[in-house]
């Protein structure tokens, strides 16, 4: 059974090593798809995936339709900024 590996990037120097790592490590039974959200996320498919998976920063990786734990729940909040002391 093929596994679907989706990598969300922004076409930057920080993201490229992650794409290389995924491509290096992905087994033959994996289909790797890279979405450059800076370039191609104007398609409905890409926009829906970003929303459905909860991608809030890049690079992010989803396997078989589920965002990896290391890529989830990293939303920046007002509370984070208040704790950092940058808000009056």
C-alpha atoms as a PDB file:
ATOM      1  CA  UNK A   1       0.000   0.000   0.000  1.00  0.00           C
ATOM      2  CA  UNK A   2       1.357   3.407  -1.018  1.00  0.00           C
ATOM      3  CA  UNK A   3       1.764   6.042   1.694  1.00  0.00           C
ATOM      4  CA  UNK A   4       1.110   9.645   0.766  1.00  0.00           C
ATOM      5  CA  UNK A   5       3.701  12.074   2.115  1.00  0.00           C
ATOM      6  CA  UNK A   6       2.895  15.751   1.653  1.00  0.00           C
ATOM      7  CA  UNK A   7       5.470  18.428   2.408  1.00  0.00           C
ATOM      8  CA  UNK A   8       4.391  22.058   2.727  1.00  0.00           C
ATOM      9  CA  UNK A   9       7.164  24.591   2.103  1.00  0.00           C
ATOM     10  CA  UNK A  10       7.661  28.242   1.200  1.00  0.00           C
ATOM     11  CA  UNK A  11      10.485  27.821  -1.293  1.00  0.00           C
ATOM     12  CA  UNK A  12      13.103  29.082   1.133  1.00  0.00           C
ATOM     13  CA  UNK A  13      16.505  27.995   2.422  1.00  0.00           C
ATOM     14  CA  UNK A  14      14.964  26.726   5.672  1.00  0.00           C
ATOM     15  CA  UNK A  15      12.503  24.447   3.879  1.00  0.00           C
ATOM     16  CA  UNK A  16      14.786  22.955   1.230  1.00  0.00           C
ATOM     17  CA  UNK A  17      16.743  20.685   3.622  1.00  0.00           C
ATOM     18  CA  UNK A  18      13.455  19.227   4.867  1.00  0.00           C
ATOM     19  CA  UNK A  19      12.382  18.391   1.315  1.00  0.00           C
ATOM     20  CA  UNK A  20      15.773  16.780   0.716  1.00  0.00           C
ATOM     21  CA  UNK A  21      15.494  14.776   3.948  1.00  0.00           C
ATOM     22  CA  UNK A  22      11.999  13.502   3.117  1.00  0.00           C
ATOM     23  CA  UNK A  23      13.042  12.548  -0.416  1.00  0.00           C
ATOM     24  CA  UNK A  24      16.147  10.812   0.949  1.00  0.00           C
ATOM     25  CA  UNK A  25      14.271   8.825   3.576  1.00  0.00           C
ATOM     26  CA  UNK A  26      10.995   8.033   1.807  1.00  0.00           C
ATOM     27  CA  UNK A  27      10.709   4.354   0.960  1.00  0.00           C
ATOM     28  CA  UNK A  28       9.654   3.070  -2.444  1.00  0.00           C
ATOM     29  CA  UNK A  29       6.113   2.633  -1.149  1.00  0.00           C
ATOM     30  CA  UNK A  30       5.787   6.393  -0.518  1.00  0.00           C
ATOM     31  CA  UNK A  31       4.479   9.045  -2.877  1.00  0.00           C
ATOM     32  CA  UNK A  32       6.037  12.385  -1.954  1.00  0.00           C
ATOM     33  CA  UNK A  33       4.212  15.562  -2.972  1.00  0.00           C
ATOM     34  CA  UNK A  34       5.706  18.988  -2.267  1.00  0.00           C
ATOM     35  CA  UNK A  35       3.406  22.013  -2.017  1.00  0.00           C
ATOM     36  CA  UNK A  36       5.207  25.329  -2.274  1.00  0.00           C
ATOM     37  CA  UNK A  37       2.607  27.519  -0.609  1.00  0.00           C
ATOM     38  CA  UNK A  38       4.390  30.674  -1.749  1.00  0.00           C
ATOM     39  CA  UNK A  39       4.048  29.631  -5.391  1.00  0.00           C
ATOM     40  CA  UNK A  40       1.204  27.182  -5.872  1.00  0.00           C
ATOM     41  CA  UNK A  41      -1.190  27.500  -2.971  1.00  0.00           C
ATOM     42  CA  UNK A  42      -3.612  29.403  -5.109  1.00  0.00           C
ATOM     43  CA  UNK A  43      -5.238  26.096  -6.064  1.00  0.00           C
ATOM     44  CA  UNK A  44      -8.307  25.012  -4.129  1.00  0.00           C
ATOM     45  CA  UNK A  45      -6.690  21.643  -3.353  1.00  0.00           C
ATOM     46  CA  UNK A  46      -3.673  23.234  -1.662  1.00  0.00           C
ATOM     47  CA  UNK A  47      -5.741  25.788   0.276  1.00  0.00           C
ATOM     48  CA  UNK A  48      -8.085  23.074   1.553  1.00  0.00           C
ATOM     49  CA  UNK A  49      -5.197  20.836   2.612  1.00  0.00           C
ATOM     50  CA  UNK A  50      -3.518  23.665   4.534  1.00  0.00           C
ATOM     51  CA  UNK A  51      -6.786  24.392   6.355  1.00  0.00           C
ATOM     52  CA  UNK A  52      -7.825  20.767   6.894  1.00  0.00           C
ATOM     53  CA  UNK A  53      -4.412  19.676   8.161  1.00  0.00           C
ATOM     54  CA  UNK A  54      -3.976  22.774  10.313  1.00  0.00           C
ATOM     55  CA  UNK A  55      -0.700  23.865   8.735  1.00  0.00           C
ATOM     56  CA  UNK A  56       0.293  27.062  10.534  1.00  0.00           C
ATOM     57  CA  UNK A  57       3.990  27.184   9.686  1.00  0.00           C
ATOM     58  CA  UNK A  58       6.367  25.675   7.180  1.00  0.00           C
ATOM     59  CA  UNK A  59       8.037  23.369   6.616  1.00  0.00           C
ATOM     60  CA  UNK A  60       5.284  20.965   7.595  1.00  0.00           C
ATOM     61  CA  UNK A  61       4.808  17.288   6.759  1.00  0.00           C
ATOM     62  CA  UNK A  62       1.628  15.228   6.550  1.00  0.00           C
ATOM     63  CA  UNK A  63       1.550  11.456   6.115  1.00  0.00           C
ATOM     64  CA  UNK A  64      -1.609   9.794   4.860  1.00  0.00           C
ATOM     65  CA  UNK A  65      -3.632  12.949   5.487  1.00  0.00           C
ATOM     66  CA  UNK A  66      -2.431  13.637   9.043  1.00  0.00           C
ATOM     67  CA  UNK A  67      -0.043  16.396  10.026  1.00  0.00           C
ATOM     68  CA  UNK A  68       2.911  14.984  11.944  1.00  0.00           C
ATOM     69  CA  UNK A  69       2.875  15.799  15.661  1.00  0.00           C
ATOM     70  CA  UNK A  70       6.122  17.741  15.303  1.00  0.00           C
ATOM     71  CA  UNK A  71       4.363  20.070  12.856  1.00  0.00           C
ATOM     72  CA  UNK A  72       1.058  20.518  14.699  1.00  0.00           C
ATOM     73  CA  UNK A  73      -0.172  22.990  17.274  1.00  0.00           C
ATOM     74  CA  UNK A  74       2.419  25.652  16.668  1.00  0.00           C
ATOM     75  CA  UNK A  75       0.054  28.567  16.180  1.00  0.00           C
ATOM     76  CA  UNK A  76       1.308  31.880  17.482  1.00  0.00           C
ATOM     77  CA  UNK A  77      -1.184  33.585  19.780  1.00  0.00           C
ATOM     78  CA  UNK A  78      -1.721  36.942  21.430  1.00  0.00           C
ATOM     79  CA  UNK A  79      -0.912  35.247  24.723  1.00  0.00           C
ATOM     80  CA  UNK A  80       2.510  34.222  23.387  1.00  0.00           C
ATOM     81  CA  UNK A  81       3.257  37.828  22.480  1.00  0.00           C
ATOM     82  CA  UNK A  82       2.063  39.104  25.857  1.00  0.00           C
ATOM     83  CA  UNK A  83       4.265  36.545  27.654  1.00  0.00           C
ATOM     84  CA  UNK A  84       7.213  37.673  25.533  1.00  0.00           C
ATOM     85  CA  UNK A  85       6.671  41.220  26.773  1.00  0.00           C
ATOM     86  CA  UNK A  86       6.291  42.876  23.398  1.00  0.00           C
ATOM     87  CA  UNK A  87       2.746  44.098  24.011  1.00  0.00           C
ATOM     88  CA  UNK A  88       1.891  47.052  26.245  1.00  0.00           C
END
